[in-house]
Every structure is written in C-alpha cells, then in structure tokens.
Amino acid sequence: MEIRQVRYFMEVAAGGSFNQAAARLHLTQPAVSRQIKALEEELGVVLLARGTRSVALTQEGEIFYEEAQTSWHISIASFGEYKVINPARF
C-alpha cells in the first residue's frame, strides 16, 4: 500500500467521482482508477461500488475511509510538529 493510493482513494470517496478526484489531483481518471484498483487488490476488498456515473463507498470502504482520514490527519500533525522541532530542515 502506498500513501498516494490512500490519498487518491480519499479524494474519490470525498467527491464521489473518479473524474473530480483526478481533476483535483491533476491526474487522469484512468491513473486514479488503476491506483485504487491496485489498493483494493492488495487489501483483498472492494472499497468502492462503481456505477455508470457515480461511486459509493462499500461497507469496507467506509471503514477504510474513516481509518485513512484519521491516519492522514495524524501524519499531517506529526509533520507539522517535526517542522517546529527541526525548522532548519525546511
């Protein structure tokens, strides 16, 4: 699992659309879709129920999304604390 895959998943989950997520991430829709499919394969679960024009979180996707958000916010906060502790590196 790569951080970028989790980030892409979070963008799709938040917006409900691969196209919107791709635009926000400055990527193509197929690139985002491929990375999320790889994430699902690695986890062994389907995170997103794909419709013809929309995307919805599966039950597993909802759980993963909540955990991913928590982890993401902790990572960002930790990075901010590190910058305060060691400002010379930034």
PDB file of N, CA and C in Angstrom:
ATOM      1  N   MET A   1       0.854  -1.172   0.000  1.00  0.00           N
ATOM      2  CA  MET A   1       0.000   0.000   0.000  1.00  0.00           C
ATOM      3  C   MET A   1       0.899   1.235   0.000  1.00  0.00           C
ATOM      4  N   GLU A   2       0.548   2.150  -0.869  1.00  0.00           N
ATOM      5  CA  GLU A   2       1.316   3.380  -0.971  1.00  0.00           C
ATOM      6  C   GLU A   2       0.457   4.551  -0.501  1.00  0.00           C
ATOM      7  N   ILE A   3       1.130   5.553   0.068  1.00  0.00           N
ATOM      8  CA  ILE A   3       0.429   6.744   0.560  1.00  0.00           C
ATOM      9  C   ILE A   3      -0.396   7.380  -0.552  1.00  0.00           C
ATOM     10  N   ARG A   4       0.155   7.436  -1.752  1.00  0.00           N
ATOM     11  CA  ARG A   4      -0.579   8.077  -2.840  1.00  0.00           C
ATOM     12  C   ARG A   4      -1.873   7.338  -3.150  1.00  0.00           C
ATOM     13  N   GLN A   5      -1.871   6.017  -3.038  1.00  0.00           N
ATOM     14  CA  GLN A   5      -3.091   5.253  -3.283  1.00  0.00           C
ATOM     15  C   GLN A   5      -4.163   5.618  -2.262  1.00  0.00           C
ATOM     16  N   VAL A   6      -3.752   5.758  -1.020  1.00  0.00           N
ATOM     17  CA  VAL A   6      -4.696   6.134   0.033  1.00  0.00           C
ATOM     18  C   VAL A   6      -5.216   7.548  -0.227  1.00  0.00           C
ATOM     19  N   ARG A   7      -4.333   8.434  -0.621  1.00  0.00           N
ATOM     20  CA  ARG A   7      -4.753   9.813  -0.923  1.00  0.00           C
ATOM     21  C   ARG A   7      -5.750   9.839  -2.077  1.00  0.00           C
ATOM     22  N   TYR A   8      -5.477   9.088  -3.120  1.00  0.00           N
ATOM     23  CA  TYR A   8      -6.388   9.035  -4.262  1.00  0.00           C
ATOM     24  C   TYR A   8      -7.748   8.481  -3.828  1.00  0.00           C
ATOM     25  N   PHE A   9      -7.715   7.425  -3.044  1.00  0.00           N
ATOM     26  CA  PHE A   9      -8.957   6.840  -2.544  1.00  0.00           C
ATOM     27  C   PHE A   9      -9.751   7.863  -1.747  1.00  0.00           C
ATOM     28  N   MET A  10      -9.068   8.591  -0.877  1.00  0.00           N
ATOM     29  CA  MET A  10      -9.754   9.594  -0.056  1.00  0.00           C
ATOM     30  C   MET A  10     -10.395  10.676  -0.925  1.00  0.00           C
ATOM     31  N   GLU A  11      -9.723  11.076  -1.988  1.00  0.00           N
ATOM     32  CA  GLU A  11     -10.278  12.089  -2.892  1.00  0.00           C
ATOM     33  C   GLU A  11     -11.529  11.574  -3.600  1.00  0.00           C
ATOM     34  N   VAL A  12     -11.478  10.336  -4.085  1.00  0.00           N
ATOM     35  CA  VAL A  12     -12.651   9.758  -4.756  1.00  0.00           C
ATOM     36  C   VAL A  12     -13.796   9.609  -3.770  1.00  0.00           C
ATOM     37  N   ALA A  13     -13.491   9.112  -2.585  1.00  0.00           N
ATOM     38  CA  ALA A  13     -14.528   8.915  -1.571  1.00  0.00           C
ATOM     39  C   ALA A  13     -15.167  10.238  -1.169  1.00  0.00           C
ATOM     40  N   ALA A  14     -14.377  11.263  -1.025  1.00  0.00           N
ATOM     41  CA  ALA A  14     -14.892  12.567  -0.602  1.00  0.00           C
ATOM     42  C   ALA A  14     -15.769  13.206  -1.677  1.00  0.00           C
ATOM     43  N   GLY A  15     -15.392  13.035  -2.931  1.00  0.00           N
ATOM     44  CA  GLY A  15     -16.118  13.688  -4.016  1.00  0.00           C
ATOM     45  C   GLY A  15     -17.125  12.809  -4.725  1.00  0.00           C
ATOM     46  N   GLY A  16     -17.024  11.487  -4.520  1.00  0.00           N
ATOM     47  CA  GLY A  16     -17.954  10.572  -5.159  1.00  0.00           C
ATOM     48  C   GLY A  16     -17.755  10.417  -6.655  1.00  0.00           C
ATOM     49  N   SER A  17     -16.555  10.764  -7.138  1.00  0.00           N
ATOM     50  CA  SER A  17     -16.315  10.718  -8.580  1.00  0.00           C
ATOM     51  C   SER A  17     -14.823  10.551  -8.874  1.00  0.00           C
ATOM     52  N   PHE A  18     -14.531   9.619  -9.775  1.00  0.00           N
ATOM     53  CA  PHE A  18     -13.147   9.455 -10.214  1.00  0.00           C
ATOM     54  C   PHE A  18     -12.692  10.679 -11.012  1.00  0.00           C
ATOM     55  N   ASN A  19     -13.576  11.205 -11.852  1.00  0.00           N
ATOM     56  CA  ASN A  19     -13.203  12.360 -12.675  1.00  0.00           C
ATOM     57  C   ASN A  19     -12.894  13.586 -11.824  1.00  0.00           C
ATOM     58  N   GLN A  20     -13.735  13.866 -10.838  1.00  0.00           N
ATOM     59  CA  GLN A  20     -13.492  15.021  -9.968  1.00  0.00           C
ATOM     60  C   GLN A  20     -12.209  14.841  -9.173  1.00  0.00           C
ATOM     61  N   ALA A  21     -11.991  13.626  -8.661  1.00  0.00           N
ATOM     62  CA  ALA A  21     -10.767  13.357  -7.902  1.00  0.00           C
ATOM     63  C   ALA A  21      -9.542  13.541  -8.791  1.00  0.00           C
ATOM     64  N   ALA A  22      -9.613  13.021 -10.011  1.00  0.00           N
ATOM     65  CA  ALA A  22      -8.484  13.150 -10.937  1.00  0.00           C
ATOM     66  C   ALA A  22      -8.184  14.615 -11.217  1.00  0.00           C
ATOM     67  N   ALA A  23      -9.216  15.405 -11.403  1.00  0.00           N
ATOM     68  CA  ALA A  23      -9.012  16.836 -11.665  1.00  0.00           C
ATOM     69  C   ALA A  23      -8.356  17.513 -10.468  1.00  0.00           C
ATOM     70  N   ARG A  24      -8.816  17.211  -9.256  1.00  0.00           N
ATOM     71  CA  ARG A  24      -8.228  17.820  -8.055  1.00  0.00           C
ATOM     72  C   ARG A  24      -6.776  17.385  -7.848  1.00  0.00           C
ATOM     73  N   LEU A  25      -6.482  16.148  -8.253  1.00  0.00           N
ATOM     74  CA  LEU A  25      -5.134  15.608  -8.079  1.00  0.00           C
ATOM     75  C   LEU A  25      -4.213  15.926  -9.260  1.00  0.00           C
ATOM     76  N   HIS A  26      -4.756  16.551 -10.297  1.00  0.00           N
ATOM     77  CA  HIS A  26      -4.015  16.869 -11.518  1.00  0.00           C
ATOM     78  C   HIS A  26      -3.476  15.596 -12.183  1.00  0.00           C
ATOM     79  N   LEU A  27      -4.355  14.590 -12.244  1.00  0.00           N
ATOM     80  CA  LEU A  27      -4.036  13.314 -12.872  1.00  0.00           C
ATOM     81  C   LEU A  27      -5.144  12.957 -13.856  1.00  0.00           C
ATOM     82  N   THR A  28      -4.936  11.887 -14.591  1.00  0.00           N
ATOM     83  CA  THR A  28      -6.004  11.397 -15.458  1.00  0.00           C
ATOM     84  C   THR A  28      -6.889  10.431 -14.679  1.00  0.00           C
ATOM     85  N   GLN A  29      -8.122  10.312 -15.124  1.00  0.00           N
ATOM     86  CA  GLN A  29      -9.057   9.391 -14.461  1.00  0.00           C
ATOM     87  C   GLN A  29      -8.549   7.946 -14.492  1.00  0.00           C
ATOM     88  N   PRO A  30      -8.019   7.453 -15.627  1.00  0.00           N
ATOM     89  CA  PRO A  30      -7.524   6.071 -15.622  1.00  0.00           C
ATOM     90  C   PRO A  30      -6.385   5.836 -14.626  1.00  0.00           C
ATOM     91  N   ALA A  31      -5.527   6.834 -14.430  1.00  0.00           N
ATOM     92  CA  ALA A  31      -4.417   6.683 -13.474  1.00  0.00           C
ATOM     93  C   ALA A  31      -4.949   6.532 -12.055  1.00  0.00           C
ATOM     94  N   VAL A  32      -5.937   7.341 -11.708  1.00  0.00           N
ATOM     95  CA  VAL A  32      -6.539   7.256 -10.366  1.00  0.00           C
ATOM     96  C   VAL A  32      -7.238   5.917 -10.206  1.00  0.00           C
ATOM     97  N   SER A  33      -7.988   5.527 -11.199  1.00  0.00           N
ATOM     98  CA  SER A  33      -8.723   4.266 -11.151  1.00  0.00           C
ATOM     99  C   SER A  33      -7.787   3.075 -10.985  1.00  0.00           C
ATOM    100  N   ARG A  34      -6.685   3.073 -11.731  1.00  0.00           N
ATOM    101  CA  ARG A  34      -5.699   1.983 -11.635  1.00  0.00           C
ATOM    102  C   ARG A  34      -5.112   1.866 -10.235  1.00  0.00           C
ATOM    103  N   GLN A  35      -4.761   3.018  -9.648  1.00  0.00           N
ATOM    104  CA  GLN A  35      -4.153   3.002  -8.322  1.00  0.00           C
ATOM    105  C   GLN A  35      -5.133   2.508  -7.259  1.00  0.00           C
ATOM    106  N   ILE A  36      -6.380   2.913  -7.378  1.00  0.00           N
ATOM    107  CA  ILE A  36      -7.371   2.456  -6.391  1.00  0.00           C
ATOM    108  C   ILE A  36      -7.656   0.973  -6.574  1.00  0.00           C
ATOM    109  N   LYS A  37      -7.699   0.505  -7.808  1.00  0.00           N
ATOM    110  CA  LYS A  37      -7.893  -0.928  -8.068  1.00  0.00           C
ATOM    111  C   LYS A  37      -6.737  -1.723  -7.463  1.00  0.00           C
ATOM    112  N   ALA A  38      -5.516  -1.217  -7.607  1.00  0.00           N
ATOM    113  CA  ALA A  38      -4.349  -1.885  -7.028  1.00  0.00           C
ATOM    114  C   ALA A  38      -4.453  -1.923  -5.506  1.00  0.00           C
ATOM    115  N   LEU A  39      -4.938  -0.833  -4.921  1.00  0.00           N
ATOM    116  CA  LEU A  39      -5.130  -0.781  -3.471  1.00  0.00           C
ATOM    117  C   LEU A  39      -6.160  -1.820  -3.038  1.00  0.00           C
ATOM    118  N   GLU A  40      -7.263  -1.889  -3.759  1.00  0.00           N
ATOM    119  CA  GLU A  40      -8.298  -2.878  -3.428  1.00  0.00           C
ATOM    120  C   GLU A  40      -7.764  -4.302  -3.542  1.00  0.00           C
ATOM    121  N   GLU A  41      -6.989  -4.559  -4.572  1.00  0.00           N
ATOM    122  CA  GLU A  41      -6.421  -5.898  -4.749  1.00  0.00           C
ATOM    123  C   GLU A  41      -5.460  -6.244  -3.621  1.00  0.00           C
ATOM    124  N   GLU A  42      -4.656  -5.285  -3.219  1.00  0.00           N
ATOM    125  CA  GLU A  42      -3.712  -5.536  -2.125  1.00  0.00           C
ATOM    126  C   GLU A  42      -4.439  -5.792  -0.810  1.00  0.00           C
ATOM    127  N   LEU A  43      -5.511  -5.025  -0.571  1.00  0.00           N
ATOM    128  CA  LEU A  43      -6.276  -5.196   0.664  1.00  0.00           C
ATOM    129  C   LEU A  43      -7.196  -6.423   0.618  1.00  0.00           C
ATOM    130  N   GLY A  44      -7.541  -6.852  -0.585  1.00  0.00           N
ATOM    131  CA  GLY A  44      -8.427  -8.001  -0.736  1.00  0.00           C
ATOM    132  C   GLY A  44      -9.892  -7.670  -0.507  1.00  0.00           C
ATOM    133  N   VAL A  45     -10.268  -6.403  -0.670  1.00  0.00           N
ATOM    134  CA  VAL A  45     -11.654  -5.969  -0.504  1.00  0.00           C
ATOM    135  C   VAL A  45     -11.998  -4.938  -1.572  1.00  0.00           C
ATOM    136  N   VAL A  46     -13.281  -4.808  -1.847  1.00  0.00           N
ATOM    137  CA  VAL A  46     -13.760  -3.764  -2.743  1.00  0.00           C
ATOM    138  C   VAL A  46     -14.115  -2.567  -1.873  1.00  0.00           C
ATOM    139  N   LEU A  47     -13.474  -1.445  -2.121  1.00  0.00           N
ATOM    140  CA  LEU A  47     -13.695  -0.240  -1.323  1.00  0.00           C
ATOM    141  C   LEU A  47     -14.775   0.651  -1.912  1.00  0.00           C
ATOM    142  N   LEU A  48     -14.916   0.602  -3.241  1.00  0.00           N
ATOM    143  CA  LEU A  48     -15.843   1.491  -3.933  1.00  0.00           C
ATOM    144  C   LEU A  48     -16.778   0.693  -4.823  1.00  0.00           C
ATOM    145  N   ALA A  49     -18.065   0.998  -4.721  1.00  0.00           N
ATOM    146  CA  ALA A  49     -19.067   0.428  -5.622  1.00  0.00           C
ATOM    147  C   ALA A  49     -19.170   1.388  -6.795  1.00  0.00           C
ATOM    148  N   ARG A  50     -18.778   0.933  -7.952  1.00  0.00           N
ATOM    149  CA  ARG A  50     -18.714   1.783  -9.127  1.00  0.00           C
ATOM    150  C   ARG A  50     -20.011   1.684  -9.921  1.00  0.00           C
ATOM    151  N   GLY A  51     -20.632   2.831 -10.153  1.00  0.00           N
ATOM    152  CA  GLY A  51     -21.815   2.911 -11.003  1.00  0.00           C
ATOM    153  C   GLY A  51     -21.436   3.529 -12.331  1.00  0.00           C
ATOM    154  N   THR A  52     -22.421   3.709 -13.206  1.00  0.00           N
ATOM    155  CA  THR A  52     -22.109   4.291 -14.509  1.00  0.00           C
ATOM    156  C   THR A  52     -21.710   5.755 -14.395  1.00  0.00           C
ATOM    157  N   ARG A  53     -22.269   6.458 -13.418  1.00  0.00           N
ATOM    158  CA  ARG A  53     -21.946   7.885 -13.269  1.00  0.00           C
ATOM    159  C   ARG A  53     -21.581   8.284 -11.843  1.00  0.00           C
ATOM    160  N   SER A  54     -21.526   7.322 -10.954  1.00  0.00           N
ATOM    161  CA  SER A  54     -21.213   7.668  -9.564  1.00  0.00           C
ATOM    162  C   SER A  54     -20.438   6.550  -8.895  1.00  0.00           C
ATOM    163  N   VAL A  55     -19.902   6.895  -7.755  1.00  0.00           N
ATOM    164  CA  VAL A  55     -19.126   5.958  -6.949  1.00  0.00           C
ATOM    165  C   VAL A  55     -19.628   6.075  -5.515  1.00  0.00           C
ATOM    166  N   ALA A  56     -19.782   4.945  -4.860  1.00  0.00           N
ATOM    167  CA  ALA A  56     -20.204   4.947  -3.459  1.00  0.00           C
ATOM    168  C   ALA A  56     -19.272   4.038  -2.664  1.00  0.00           C
ATOM    169  N   LEU A  57     -19.097   4.368  -1.418  1.00  0.00           N
ATOM    170  CA  LEU A  57     -18.283   3.532  -0.543  1.00  0.00           C
ATOM    171  C   LEU A  57     -19.032   2.250  -0.202  1.00  0.00           C
ATOM    172  N   THR A  58     -18.311   1.136  -0.238  1.00  0.00           N
ATOM    173  CA  THR A  58     -18.866  -0.108   0.287  1.00  0.00           C
ATOM    174  C   THR A  58     -18.743  -0.050   1.813  1.00  0.00           C
ATOM    175  N   GLN A  59     -19.242  -1.044   2.488  1.00  0.00           N
ATOM    176  CA  GLN A  59     -19.106  -1.081   3.949  1.00  0.00           C
ATOM    177  C   GLN A  59     -17.621  -1.098   4.329  1.00  0.00           C
ATOM    178  N   GLU A  60     -16.853  -1.897   3.615  1.00  0.00           N
ATOM    179  CA  GLU A  60     -15.410  -1.950   3.870  1.00  0.00           C
ATOM    180  C   GLU A  60     -14.763  -0.608   3.542  1.00  0.00           C
ATOM    181  N   GLY A  61     -15.251   0.025   2.479  1.00  0.00           N
ATOM    182  CA  GLY A  61     -14.740   1.332   2.082  1.00  0.00           C
ATOM    183  C   GLY A  61     -14.992   2.393   3.132  1.00  0.00           C
ATOM    184  N   GLU A  62     -16.169   2.352   3.756  1.00  0.00           N
ATOM    185  CA  GLU A  62     -16.481   3.309   4.819  1.00  0.00           C
ATOM    186  C   GLU A  62     -15.528   3.158   5.990  1.00  0.00           C
ATOM    187  N   ILE A  63     -15.278   1.920   6.371  1.00  0.00           N
ATOM    188  CA  ILE A  63     -14.351   1.662   7.483  1.00  0.00           C
ATOM    189  C   ILE A  63     -12.949   2.138   7.116  1.00  0.00           C
ATOM    190  N   PHE A  64     -12.495   1.776   5.909  1.00  0.00           N
ATOM    191  CA  PHE A  64     -11.158   2.177   5.477  1.00  0.00           C
ATOM    192  C   PHE A  64     -11.044   3.693   5.376  1.00  0.00           C
ATOM    193  N   TYR A  65     -12.088   4.346   4.879  1.00  0.00           N
ATOM    194  CA  TYR A  65     -12.077   5.806   4.735  1.00  0.00           C
ATOM    195  C   TYR A  65     -11.919   6.483   6.099  1.00  0.00           C
ATOM    196  N   GLU A  66     -12.656   6.027   7.085  1.00  0.00           N
ATOM    197  CA  GLU A  66     -12.543   6.601   8.430  1.00  0.00           C
ATOM    198  C   GLU A  66     -11.142   6.422   8.986  1.00  0.00           C
ATOM    199  N   GLU A  67     -10.602   5.223   8.826  1.00  0.00           N
ATOM    200  CA  GLU A  67      -9.244   4.955   9.324  1.00  0.00           C
ATOM    201  C   GLU A  67      -8.202   5.757   8.545  1.00  0.00           C
ATOM    202  N   ALA A  68      -8.399   5.872   7.243  1.00  0.00           N
ATOM    203  CA  ALA A  68      -7.459   6.625   6.410  1.00  0.00           C
ATOM    204  C   ALA A  68      -7.463   8.099   6.787  1.00  0.00           C
ATOM    205  N   GLN A  69      -8.645   8.655   7.025  1.00  0.00           N
ATOM    206  CA  GLN A  69      -8.726  10.062   7.433  1.00  0.00           C
ATOM    207  C   GLN A  69      -7.987  10.284   8.747  1.00  0.00           C
ATOM    208  N   THR A  70      -8.218   9.407   9.700  1.00  0.00           N
ATOM    209  CA  THR A  70      -7.552   9.530  10.996  1.00  0.00           C
ATOM    210  C   THR A  70      -6.031   9.462  10.823  1.00  0.00           C
ATOM    211  N   SER A  71      -5.568   8.486  10.083  1.00  0.00           N
ATOM    212  CA  SER A  71      -4.128   8.327   9.857  1.00  0.00           C
ATOM    213  C   SER A  71      -3.549   9.524   9.119  1.00  0.00           C
ATOM    214  N   TRP A  72      -4.289  10.022   8.136  1.00  0.00           N
ATOM    215  CA  TRP A  72      -3.824  11.172   7.354  1.00  0.00           C
ATOM    216  C   TRP A  72      -3.654  12.390   8.249  1.00  0.00           C
ATOM    217  N   HIS A  73      -4.649  12.652   9.087  1.00  0.00           N
ATOM    218  CA  HIS A  73      -4.586  13.818   9.972  1.00  0.00           C
ATOM    219  C   HIS A  73      -3.464  13.681  10.998  1.00  0.00           C
ATOM    220  N   ILE A  74      -3.245  12.489  11.487  1.00  0.00           N
ATOM    221  CA  ILE A  74      -2.147  12.250  12.430  1.00  0.00           C
ATOM    222  C   ILE A  74      -0.805  12.496  11.729  1.00  0.00           C
ATOM    223  N   SER A  75      -0.683  12.017  10.503  1.00  0.00           N
ATOM    224  CA  SER A  75       0.562  12.210   9.745  1.00  0.00           C
ATOM    225  C   SER A  75       0.843  13.683   9.509  1.00  0.00           C
ATOM    226  N   ILE A  76      -0.175  14.421   9.101  1.00  0.00           N
ATOM    227  CA  ILE A  76      -0.011  15.854   8.845  1.00  0.00           C
ATOM    228  C   ILE A  76       0.367  16.585  10.134  1.00  0.00           C
ATOM    229  N   ALA A  77      -0.298  16.247  11.229  1.00  0.00           N
ATOM    230  CA  ALA A  77       0.011  16.885  12.515  1.00  0.00           C
ATOM    231  C   ALA A  77       1.438  16.552  12.949  1.00  0.00           C
ATOM    232  N   SER A  78       1.844  15.303  12.767  1.00  0.00           N
ATOM    233  CA  SER A  78       3.200  14.902  13.147  1.00  0.00           C
ATOM    234  C   SER A  78       4.236  15.638  12.318  1.00  0.00           C
ATOM    235  N   PHE A  79       3.962  15.801  11.036  1.00  0.00           N
ATOM    236  CA  PHE A  79       4.878  16.526  10.171  1.00  0.00           C
ATOM    237  C   PHE A  79       5.000  17.973  10.626  1.00  0.00           C
ATOM    238  N   GLY A  80       3.880  18.574  10.988  1.00  0.00           N
ATOM    239  CA  GLY A  80       3.896  19.951  11.481  1.00  0.00           C
ATOM    240  C   GLY A  80       4.699  20.076  12.757  1.00  0.00           C
ATOM    241  N   GLU A  81       4.556  19.108  13.663  1.00  0.00           N
ATOM    242  CA  GLU A  81       5.323  19.126  14.907  1.00  0.00           C
ATOM    243  C   GLU A  81       6.813  18.962  14.616  1.00  0.00           C
ATOM    244  N   TYR A  82       7.146  18.122  13.648  1.00  0.00           N
ATOM    245  CA  TYR A  82       8.537  17.916  13.290  1.00  0.00           C
ATOM    246  C   TYR A  82       9.148  19.207  12.751  1.00  0.00           C
ATOM    247  N   LYS A  83       8.376  19.935  11.944  1.00  0.00           N
ATOM    248  CA  LYS A  83       8.865  21.194  11.410  1.00  0.00           C
ATOM    249  C   LYS A  83       9.133  22.202  12.519  1.00  0.00           C
ATOM    250  N   VAL A  84       8.346  22.161  13.566  1.00  0.00           N
ATOM    251  CA  VAL A  84       8.553  23.074  14.697  1.00  0.00           C
ATOM    252  C   VAL A  84       9.817  22.666  15.455  1.00  0.00           C
ATOM    253  N   ILE A  85      10.004  21.379  15.630  1.00  0.00           N
ATOM    254  CA  ILE A  85      11.160  20.866  16.375  1.00  0.00           C
ATOM    255  C   ILE A  85      12.447  21.067  15.587  1.00  0.00           C
ATOM    256  N   ASN A  86      12.391  20.914  14.281  1.00  0.00           N
ATOM    257  CA  ASN A  86      13.591  20.956  13.441  1.00  0.00           C
ATOM    258  C   ASN A  86      13.385  21.901  12.256  1.00  0.00           C
ATOM    259  N   PRO A  87      13.231  23.182  12.491  1.00  0.00           N
ATOM    260  CA  PRO A  87      12.933  24.113  11.394  1.00  0.00           C
ATOM    261  C   PRO A  87      14.063  24.284  10.386  1.00  0.00           C
ATOM    262  N   ALA A  88      15.268  23.975  10.751  1.00  0.00           N
ATOM    263  CA  ALA A  88      16.401  24.147   9.844  1.00  0.00           C
ATOM    264  C   ALA A  88      16.304  23.245   8.612  1.00  0.00           C
ATOM    265  N   ARG A  89      15.561  22.171   8.719  1.00  0.00           N
ATOM    266  CA  ARG A  89      15.433  21.231   7.601  1.00  0.00           C
ATOM    267  C   ARG A  89      14.438  21.707   6.576  1.00  0.00           C
ATOM    268  N   PHE A  90      13.672  22.748   6.880  1.00  0.00           N
ATOM    269  CA  PHE A  90      12.617  23.193   5.955  1.00  0.00           C
ATOM    270  C   PHE A  90      12.875  24.587   5.577  1.00  0.00           C
TER     271      PHE A  90
END
